[in-house]
Amino acid sequence: MFYNNKKFRPIENSENGGTSSDTIFEYKQVGNILTSNYHGGQIVKGHLIGLVDANGVIDMRYHQVNTKGELMTGICKSVPELMTNGKIRLYEHWKWTSGDQTSGTSVLEEI
């Protein structure tokens, strides 16, 4: 999987997650290093950095500021699926490393 210049939007998220279908992630990839800026919905501004393995699995760390003015941080493992339409779907398992430190799952799709 190569994620450079791809955009993603959540289609599912746990209740304790901060993103919604209004959140847009813009991925950049150089070698196996992935970065993204994201915003929308309850997220004023967010960034992530991660490493992509040979199977396209992303091990990432993220930080974001929400509309409440809170700085939130977390970790996430994202597993890709190539859909029949050629787009990528990402299945994510994440955990807050700030706030209540709960965990959850989300699904993102390439737009």
Protein backbone atom coordinates (compact mmCIF):
# COMPACT_ATOMS: atom_id res chain seq x y z
CA MET A 1 0.00 0.00 0.00
CA PHE A 2 1.19 3.50 -0.81
CA TYR A 3 -0.77 6.27 0.89
CA ASN A 4 0.84 9.39 -0.57
CA ASN A 5 -1.69 12.11 -1.53
CA LYS A 6 -4.69 9.99 -0.49
CA LYS A 7 -7.56 11.42 1.56
CA PHE A 8 -9.60 9.44 4.07
CA ARG A 9 -12.83 9.99 6.01
CA PRO A 10 -14.16 8.00 8.99
CA ILE A 11 -17.28 5.97 8.26
CA GLU A 12 -17.42 4.39 11.76
CA ASN A 13 -15.97 5.30 15.15
CA SER A 14 -16.43 4.30 18.78
CA GLU A 15 -18.44 6.75 20.91
CA ASN A 16 -15.31 7.83 22.78
CA GLY A 17 -13.51 8.74 19.53
CA GLY A 18 -12.91 12.32 18.47
CA THR A 19 -13.39 12.02 14.71
CA SER A 20 -16.54 11.89 12.58
CA SER A 21 -17.53 11.72 8.92
CA ASP A 22 -16.74 15.47 8.82
CA THR A 23 -13.06 14.80 9.60
CA ILE A 24 -10.73 14.66 6.59
CA PHE A 25 -7.25 13.09 6.75
CA GLU A 26 -4.72 14.04 4.05
CA TYR A 27 -1.95 11.43 3.95
CA LYS A 28 1.64 11.94 2.76
CA GLN A 29 4.17 9.12 2.52
CA VAL A 30 7.92 9.15 1.89
CA GLY A 31 9.48 5.71 2.05
CA ASN A 32 7.82 3.97 4.97
CA ILE A 33 7.13 7.22 6.89
CA LEU A 34 3.51 8.40 6.84
CA THR A 35 2.28 11.81 7.98
CA SER A 36 -1.12 13.45 7.92
CA ASN A 37 -2.82 16.72 8.71
CA TYR A 38 -6.49 16.40 9.58
CA HIS A 39 -9.42 18.56 10.65
CA GLY A 40 -13.20 18.75 10.62
CA GLY A 41 -16.08 17.97 12.93
CA GLN A 42 -14.85 18.23 16.53
CA ILE A 43 -11.20 18.39 15.39
CA VAL A 44 -9.83 21.91 14.91
CA LYS A 45 -6.36 20.67 13.94
CA GLY A 46 -4.61 17.32 14.10
CA HIS A 47 -1.40 15.65 13.00
CA LEU A 48 -0.22 12.08 12.88
CA ILE A 49 3.03 10.32 12.11
CA GLY A 50 3.47 6.64 11.51
CA LEU A 51 5.44 3.82 9.98
CA VAL A 52 4.04 1.66 7.18
CA ASP A 53 5.10 -2.00 7.08
CA ALA A 54 5.41 -4.27 4.02
CA ASN A 55 1.71 -5.22 4.29
CA GLY A 56 0.55 -1.58 4.45
CA VAL A 57 -0.22 -1.74 8.18
CA ILE A 58 0.33 1.64 9.85
CA ASP A 59 1.68 2.04 13.39
CA MET A 60 0.96 5.68 14.26
CA ARG A 61 0.91 8.33 16.95
CA TYR A 62 -1.45 11.31 16.80
CA HIS A 63 -2.17 14.59 18.54
CA GLN A 64 -5.06 16.96 18.01
CA VAL A 65 -6.88 19.99 19.39
CA ASN A 66 -10.66 19.66 19.60
CA THR A 67 -13.41 22.30 19.62
CA LYS A 68 -13.36 22.25 23.46
CA GLY A 69 -9.75 23.50 23.31
CA GLU A 70 -8.36 20.20 24.61
CA LEU A 71 -5.04 18.78 23.43
CA MET A 72 -5.53 15.05 22.95
CA THR A 73 -2.93 12.37 22.09
CA GLY A 74 -3.10 8.71 21.14
CA ILE A 75 -1.71 5.65 19.43
CA CYS A 76 -3.28 3.65 16.61
CA LYS A 77 -2.74 0.55 14.49
CA SER A 78 -4.41 0.74 11.10
CA VAL A 79 -4.89 -2.34 8.88
CA PRO A 80 -5.74 -1.77 5.19
CA GLU A 81 -8.18 -3.55 2.91
CA LEU A 82 -8.21 -2.93 -0.84
CA MET A 83 -11.88 -2.68 -1.82
CA THR A 84 -13.30 -3.88 -5.16
CA ASN A 85 -13.57 -0.25 -6.36
CA GLY A 86 -9.78 0.15 -5.95
CA LYS A 87 -10.08 2.40 -2.89
CA ILE A 88 -8.53 1.63 0.50
CA ARG A 89 -10.49 0.95 3.69
CA LEU A 90 -8.59 1.20 7.01
CA TYR A 91 -9.59 -0.77 10.12
CA GLU A 92 -8.20 0.99 13.17
CA HIS A 93 -7.62 0.05 16.81
CA TRP A 94 -6.67 3.12 18.84
CA LYS A 95 -6.06 4.22 22.42
CA TRP A 96 -6.02 7.64 23.99
CA THR A 97 -2.74 8.40 25.79
CA SER A 98 -4.34 11.49 27.34
CA GLY A 99 -7.70 12.18 28.94
CA ASP A 100 -9.52 9.03 30.04
CA GLN A 101 -7.03 6.74 28.24
CA THR A 102 -9.83 4.58 26.82
CA SER A 103 -9.56 2.67 23.56
CA GLY A 104 -11.78 2.07 20.57
CA THR A 105 -12.07 1.18 16.90
CA SER A 106 -12.78 3.10 13.74
CA VAL A 107 -13.07 2.50 10.01
CA LEU A 108 -11.84 5.02 7.44
CA GLU A 109 -12.39 4.98 3.69
CA GLU A 110 -10.45 6.66 0.94
CA ILE A 111 -12.36 9.50 -0.72
